[in-house]
Amino acid sequence: MTYETWGVWCTVWGGVTGHREGWMKSNGEIRTFDTKEQAEAAAARMSVRSPYATASYSYTAMRLT
């Protein structure tokens, strides 16, 4: 059995800071998940859009290893 680690790839565009991408982090470390389902659930929670947001966001569960 191969062990897989999952993360959430974040993309932000628009607003005052322009376009940027990177892995979701917590305390400066890449946030990892044991299953794809856990990563997808975290991405879904982050995808809730504020009506006051001036930028667009995209969160995608992706395999790290």
Protein backbone atom coordinates (compact mmCIF):
# COMPACT_ATOMS: atom_id res chain seq x y z
CA MET A 1 0.00 0.00 0.00
CA THR A 2 1.33 3.41 -0.97
CA TYR A 3 0.86 6.23 1.49
CA GLU A 4 -0.40 9.45 -0.07
CA THR A 5 -0.35 12.94 1.39
CA TRP A 6 -2.83 15.54 0.20
CA GLY A 7 -2.82 19.33 0.32
CA VAL A 8 -4.90 22.26 -0.88
CA TRP A 9 -3.55 24.42 -3.73
CA CYS A 10 -4.75 28.01 -3.36
CA THR A 11 -5.05 30.54 -6.18
CA VAL A 12 -5.97 34.19 -5.65
CA TRP A 13 -6.40 36.80 -8.36
CA GLY A 14 -7.66 40.34 -8.45
CA GLY A 15 -7.88 42.73 -5.58
CA VAL A 16 -4.95 44.94 -4.57
CA THR A 17 -2.35 42.16 -4.45
CA GLY A 18 -2.80 40.72 -7.96
CA HIS A 19 -2.32 37.02 -8.76
CA ARG A 20 -0.59 34.49 -6.50
CA GLU A 21 -0.64 30.75 -5.84
CA GLY A 22 0.64 28.37 -3.19
CA TRP A 23 -0.14 25.55 -0.79
CA MET A 24 -2.49 26.20 2.11
CA LYS A 25 -0.36 26.66 5.24
CA SER A 26 -0.81 26.70 8.98
CA ASN A 27 1.83 28.39 11.17
CA GLY A 28 4.18 28.62 8.17
CA GLU A 29 4.00 24.89 7.35
CA ILE A 30 2.14 23.30 4.44
CA ARG A 31 -1.14 21.89 5.76
CA THR A 32 -1.35 18.18 4.90
CA PHE A 33 -4.21 15.69 4.90
CA ASP A 34 -4.21 11.89 4.99
CA THR A 35 -7.01 11.46 2.46
CA LYS A 36 -8.29 13.19 -0.65
CA GLU A 37 -11.68 13.53 1.02
CA GLN A 38 -10.19 15.49 3.93
CA ALA A 39 -8.38 17.84 1.55
CA GLU A 40 -11.53 18.31 -0.53
CA ALA A 41 -13.53 19.13 2.61
CA ALA A 42 -10.95 21.75 3.64
CA ALA A 43 -11.01 23.23 0.12
CA ALA A 44 -14.81 23.39 0.22
CA ARG A 45 -14.76 25.20 3.59
CA MET A 46 -12.28 27.75 2.21
CA SER A 47 -14.38 28.28 -0.94
CA VAL A 48 -17.24 29.97 0.91
CA ARG A 49 -17.21 33.44 -0.63
CA SER A 50 -17.72 36.66 1.26
CA PRO A 51 -20.03 39.16 -0.43
CA TYR A 52 -17.43 41.83 0.44
CA ALA A 53 -14.45 40.13 -1.25
CA THR A 54 -12.67 42.14 -3.93
CA ALA A 55 -10.53 39.23 -5.14
CA SER A 56 -11.39 35.81 -6.59
CA TYR A 57 -10.24 32.60 -4.92
CA SER A 58 -9.86 28.98 -6.00
CA TYR A 59 -9.01 26.03 -3.73
CA THR A 60 -8.17 22.60 -5.16
CA ALA A 61 -7.31 19.36 -3.36
CA MET A 62 -4.07 17.99 -4.85
CA ARG A 63 -1.77 15.10 -4.01
CA LEU A 64 1.56 16.10 -2.45
CA THR A 65 3.14 12.62 -2.44
